[in-house]
Amino acid sequence: MSPQDQHGSRGYSVPTGRPYALKELQASLGSLGDHLRELYDGAHPAEYDTIADALYVAFKTAAGLAPAKSYTGCPEHPNGALDPEAPDGWGRCLICNDRRRLGQRRQGGRPAAPAPAAEQRRLGYPVPEPPYTLQALRDCVRTVEDQRFHLSLSSPAQDFVRIADDLHRAFIVARELSRPRNASGCSEHPGAPIDPDAPPGEGCIFCAGRKRRAQRSAQTPQMLPRIRRGERRQLQRRFERPPG
């Protein structure tokens, strides 16, 4: 290396934790294509669980490599709840907007009308539009595969932002395929996961669990339900206290 190269490389530094996180990201994406090739059109939703879990782990790793992204745009509550009726000119943070509305109410003022839907931008990570199909999942994973080969320790932050967004899109598609809307046929829990051990027509995992609990014998130990804060649990004693 020439003295000029040595002088030019003195100012370069790698962000803390990037080598380990990048290696973990490459490892989590290495076998993703092999698992995806085993799937086929009409596969059981439970077969997509492994893909969805792997994509979520890879997405969290890529999100850690990219600059922090705010869901609300609020420096105080970056990951807080979004206000679906944010007035024009206000932020998207529900907590801050509630405080602002409360202050106006005390002063006798009225909040402005909600902003049009086109002006209410969705912050955070992108969500792909339906339909969610196996081909859409393959396209998302192929985009991620094309990008991961070009990542290195010296890649700009925008490259990590791009692969984190694409991984989030792929995860959303895989999650929708693993838990399709109303696949269980349950009117009470239309978005419930499917119980693979339940008989046909009774695939709702919540209803199947409720049915199993009802069929248990009285001697089967059961967890007590959670009580609200401030309430006291009324316990039934097994043996009565002796009189006196």
Protein backbone atom coordinates (compact mmCIF):
# COMPACT_ATOMS: atom_id res chain seq x y z
CA MET A 1 0.00 0.00 0.00
CA SER A 2 1.40 3.39 -1.00
CA PRO A 3 1.74 6.26 1.49
CA GLN A 4 -1.08 8.06 -0.33
CA ASP A 5 -3.42 5.08 0.19
CA GLN A 6 -2.45 4.83 3.82
CA HIS A 7 -3.13 8.52 4.31
CA GLY A 8 -6.52 8.25 2.59
CA SER A 9 -7.63 5.26 4.65
CA ARG A 10 -6.99 6.85 8.02
CA GLY A 11 -10.39 8.57 8.15
CA TYR A 12 -12.45 5.45 7.39
CA SER A 13 -14.13 3.61 10.24
CA VAL A 14 -16.73 0.84 10.42
CA PRO A 15 -19.78 1.43 12.65
CA THR A 16 -19.75 -0.55 15.87
CA GLY A 17 -21.36 -3.96 15.52
CA ARG A 18 -21.67 -3.86 11.73
CA PRO A 19 -19.26 -6.76 10.99
CA TYR A 20 -21.11 -9.15 13.31
CA ALA A 21 -24.57 -7.99 12.23
CA LEU A 22 -23.69 -8.21 8.54
CA LYS A 23 -22.34 -11.73 8.99
CA GLU A 24 -25.53 -12.70 10.83
CA LEU A 25 -27.66 -11.22 8.04
CA GLN A 26 -25.78 -13.12 5.34
CA ALA A 27 -26.11 -16.36 7.33
CA SER A 28 -29.86 -15.93 7.85
CA LEU A 29 -30.43 -15.31 4.14
CA GLY A 30 -28.14 -18.10 2.92
CA SER A 31 -30.61 -20.99 3.15
CA LEU A 32 -33.75 -18.95 2.52
CA GLY A 33 -33.87 -19.77 -1.19
CA ASP A 34 -33.61 -23.51 -0.53
CA HIS A 35 -36.61 -23.44 1.82
CA LEU A 36 -38.58 -21.35 -0.65
CA ARG A 37 -37.96 -23.79 -3.51
CA GLU A 38 -39.58 -26.56 -1.47
CA LEU A 39 -42.91 -24.70 -1.42
CA TYR A 40 -45.56 -25.08 -4.09
CA ASP A 41 -48.88 -23.53 -5.02
CA GLY A 42 -51.54 -24.84 -2.67
CA ALA A 43 -49.10 -25.65 0.14
CA HIS A 44 -50.48 -25.75 3.67
CA PRO A 45 -50.22 -22.39 5.47
CA ALA A 46 -48.18 -24.01 8.24
CA GLU A 47 -45.39 -24.67 5.72
CA TYR A 48 -44.86 -20.92 5.40
CA ASP A 49 -44.18 -20.46 9.12
CA THR A 50 -40.48 -21.31 8.80
CA ILE A 51 -40.06 -18.83 5.93
CA ALA A 52 -41.91 -16.10 7.81
CA ASP A 53 -39.82 -16.63 10.96
CA ALA A 54 -36.55 -16.56 9.01
CA LEU A 55 -37.58 -13.41 7.14
CA TYR A 56 -38.53 -11.68 10.38
CA VAL A 57 -35.16 -12.48 11.95
CA ALA A 58 -33.37 -11.22 8.84
CA PHE A 59 -35.52 -8.08 8.78
CA LYS A 60 -34.72 -7.22 12.41
CA THR A 61 -31.02 -7.68 11.69
CA ALA A 62 -31.17 -5.48 8.58
CA ALA A 63 -33.19 -2.86 10.46
CA GLY A 64 -30.42 -2.76 13.07
CA LEU A 65 -27.84 -2.16 10.34
CA ALA A 66 -29.88 0.66 8.78
CA PRO A 67 -30.39 4.06 10.41
CA ALA A 68 -33.19 4.18 12.95
CA LYS A 69 -36.60 4.68 11.33
CA SER A 70 -39.48 6.35 13.10
CA TYR A 71 -43.05 5.10 12.76
CA THR A 72 -44.58 8.33 14.02
CA GLY A 73 -41.96 10.93 13.14
CA CYS A 74 -42.00 11.96 16.79
CA PRO A 75 -38.63 12.24 18.57
CA GLU A 76 -40.27 11.50 21.92
CA HIS A 77 -42.38 8.49 20.83
CA PRO A 78 -40.74 7.12 17.63
CA ASN A 79 -42.47 3.73 17.88
CA GLY A 80 -45.72 4.91 19.46
CA ALA A 81 -49.27 4.54 18.17
CA LEU A 82 -50.29 6.28 14.94
CA ASP A 83 -53.14 8.79 14.98
CA PRO A 84 -55.59 7.71 12.23
CA GLU A 85 -57.33 11.13 12.34
CA ALA A 86 -54.35 13.45 12.59
CA PRO A 87 -55.49 17.01 11.72
CA ASP A 88 -53.79 18.95 8.97
CA GLY A 89 -50.44 20.29 10.09
CA TRP A 90 -50.16 17.96 13.08
CA GLY A 91 -47.80 15.05 13.53
CA ARG A 92 -48.74 11.36 13.45
CA CYS A 93 -48.00 10.57 17.11
CA LEU A 94 -51.26 9.65 18.87
CA ILE A 95 -49.89 10.45 22.34
CA CYS A 96 -48.73 13.95 21.42
CA ASN A 97 -51.93 14.67 19.46
CA ASP A 98 -54.07 13.61 22.42
CA ARG A 99 -52.12 15.97 24.64
CA ARG A 100 -52.64 18.73 22.10
CA ARG A 101 -56.36 18.05 21.82
CA LEU A 102 -56.68 18.02 25.61
CA GLY A 103 -54.92 21.38 25.83
CA GLN A 104 -57.21 22.91 23.21
CA ARG A 105 -60.25 21.50 24.98
CA ARG A 106 -59.21 23.14 28.22
CA GLN A 107 -58.68 26.45 26.43
CA GLY A 108 -62.05 26.23 24.69
CA GLY A 109 -60.62 25.77 21.20
CA ARG A 110 -61.49 23.17 18.56
CA PRO A 111 -59.00 21.01 16.67
CA ALA A 112 -58.69 21.33 12.94
CA ALA A 113 -60.35 18.91 10.56
CA PRO A 114 -58.52 15.65 9.78
CA ALA A 115 -56.11 15.74 6.90
CA PRO A 116 -57.10 14.01 3.63
CA ALA A 117 -56.09 10.39 3.29
CA ALA A 118 -53.56 11.24 0.59
CA GLU A 119 -51.73 13.63 2.92
CA GLN A 120 -51.57 11.20 5.83
CA ARG A 121 -48.31 9.47 4.94
CA ARG A 122 -47.54 6.08 6.36
CA LEU A 123 -44.22 6.14 8.15
CA GLY A 124 -42.11 3.17 9.07
CA TYR A 125 -41.57 0.19 6.77
CA PRO A 126 -43.49 -0.41 3.52
CA VAL A 127 -46.32 -2.92 3.24
CA PRO A 128 -46.93 -4.53 -0.18
CA GLU A 129 -50.35 -4.48 -1.77
CA PRO A 130 -52.34 -7.73 -2.12
CA PRO A 131 -52.76 -10.29 -3.54
CA TYR A 132 -50.23 -12.24 -1.50
CA THR A 133 -49.14 -15.25 -3.52
CA LEU A 134 -46.20 -17.62 -3.65
CA GLN A 135 -44.96 -15.89 -6.80
CA ALA A 136 -45.06 -12.52 -5.02
CA LEU A 137 -43.01 -14.02 -2.19
CA ARG A 138 -40.47 -15.41 -4.65
CA ASP A 139 -40.14 -12.02 -6.34
CA CYS A 140 -39.54 -10.29 -2.99
CA VAL A 141 -36.94 -12.85 -1.93
CA ARG A 142 -35.22 -12.64 -5.33
CA THR A 143 -34.91 -8.87 -4.88
CA VAL A 144 -33.34 -9.41 -1.46
CA GLU A 145 -30.96 -12.02 -2.85
CA ASP A 146 -29.78 -9.63 -5.58
CA GLN A 147 -29.04 -6.95 -3.01
CA ARG A 148 -27.31 -9.00 -0.33
CA PHE A 149 -24.41 -9.99 -2.61
CA HIS A 150 -23.47 -6.32 -2.99
CA LEU A 151 -23.48 -5.52 0.74
CA SER A 152 -20.15 -4.97 2.44
CA LEU A 153 -18.78 -3.26 5.52
CA SER A 154 -18.30 -0.05 3.54
CA SER A 155 -21.78 -0.01 1.97
CA PRO A 156 -23.67 3.27 2.41
CA ALA A 157 -26.55 3.48 4.85
CA GLN A 158 -29.08 3.71 2.01
CA ASP A 159 -28.21 0.16 0.90
CA PHE A 160 -29.12 -1.20 4.32
CA VAL A 161 -32.33 0.86 4.34
CA ARG A 162 -33.28 -0.62 0.96
CA ILE A 163 -32.70 -4.25 1.96
CA ALA A 164 -34.54 -3.72 5.26
CA ASP A 165 -37.57 -2.38 3.35
CA ASP A 166 -37.48 -5.29 0.90
CA LEU A 167 -37.15 -7.81 3.74
CA HIS A 168 -40.16 -6.26 5.43
CA ARG A 169 -42.18 -6.63 2.23
CA ALA A 170 -41.16 -10.28 1.94
CA PHE A 171 -42.00 -10.91 5.59
CA ILE A 172 -45.48 -9.41 5.20
CA VAL A 173 -46.21 -11.64 2.19
CA ALA A 174 -44.94 -14.75 4.01
CA ARG A 175 -46.93 -13.90 7.12
CA GLU A 176 -50.13 -13.46 5.12
CA LEU A 177 -49.51 -16.80 3.41
CA SER A 178 -48.89 -18.53 6.73
CA ARG A 179 -52.03 -16.99 8.26
CA PRO A 180 -54.48 -16.39 5.41
CA ARG A 181 -57.54 -14.33 6.16
CA ASN A 182 -60.43 -16.47 7.41
CA ALA A 183 -58.73 -19.69 6.32
CA SER A 184 -60.09 -21.34 9.46
CA GLY A 185 -63.67 -20.51 8.48
CA CYS A 186 -64.36 -19.10 11.95
CA SER A 187 -66.72 -16.12 12.06
CA GLU A 188 -65.63 -15.21 15.60
CA HIS A 189 -61.87 -15.19 14.86
CA PRO A 190 -61.51 -14.54 11.09
CA GLY A 191 -57.76 -13.88 11.25
CA ALA A 192 -56.88 -16.69 13.66
CA PRO A 193 -54.02 -19.11 12.98
CA ILE A 194 -54.87 -22.65 11.91
CA ASP A 195 -54.46 -25.52 14.35
CA PRO A 196 -52.80 -28.35 12.36
CA ASP A 197 -54.08 -30.98 14.83
CA ALA A 198 -57.73 -29.91 14.67
CA PRO A 199 -60.23 -31.84 12.52
CA PRO A 200 -61.37 -30.33 9.20
CA GLY A 201 -63.77 -27.44 9.62
CA GLU A 202 -62.54 -26.69 13.15
CA GLY A 203 -59.14 -25.20 12.34
CA CYS A 204 -59.45 -22.02 14.44
CA ILE A 205 -56.72 -22.33 17.06
CA PHE A 206 -58.67 -20.28 19.60
CA CYS A 207 -61.90 -22.28 19.27
CA ALA A 208 -59.96 -25.57 19.24
CA GLY A 209 -58.16 -24.59 22.44
CA ARG A 210 -61.44 -23.59 24.08
CA LYS A 211 -62.94 -26.96 23.12
CA ARG A 212 -59.97 -28.85 24.58
CA ARG A 213 -60.21 -26.93 27.85
CA ALA A 214 -63.92 -27.73 28.09
CA GLN A 215 -63.21 -31.46 27.61
CA ARG A 216 -60.65 -31.65 30.41
CA SER A 217 -61.51 -33.41 33.62
CA ALA A 218 -62.09 -31.46 36.79
CA GLN A 219 -58.82 -32.74 38.30
CA THR A 220 -56.68 -31.28 35.49
CA PRO A 221 -54.60 -28.34 36.79
CA GLN A 222 -55.49 -25.06 35.11
CA MET A 223 -53.91 -21.63 35.10
CA LEU A 224 -55.91 -18.98 36.90
CA PRO A 225 -57.01 -16.03 34.74
CA ARG A 226 -55.24 -12.73 35.17
CA ILE A 227 -56.91 -10.23 37.49
CA ARG A 228 -57.16 -6.51 36.98
CA ARG A 229 -54.94 -4.16 38.88
CA GLY A 230 -56.40 -3.30 42.26
CA GLU A 231 -58.62 -6.39 42.50
CA ARG A 232 -58.07 -9.30 44.85
CA ARG A 233 -58.37 -12.91 43.81
CA GLN A 234 -60.95 -14.98 45.66
CA LEU A 235 -59.31 -18.33 46.34
CA GLN A 236 -61.32 -21.37 47.39
CA ARG A 237 -59.72 -23.25 50.24
CA ARG A 238 -59.37 -26.98 49.87
CA PHE A 239 -60.02 -27.60 53.56
CA GLU A 240 -62.22 -25.55 55.81
CA ARG A 241 -60.66 -24.02 58.87
CA PRO A 242 -61.61 -25.73 62.14
CA PRO A 243 -64.12 -23.76 64.23
CA GLY A 244 -62.87 -21.71 67.19
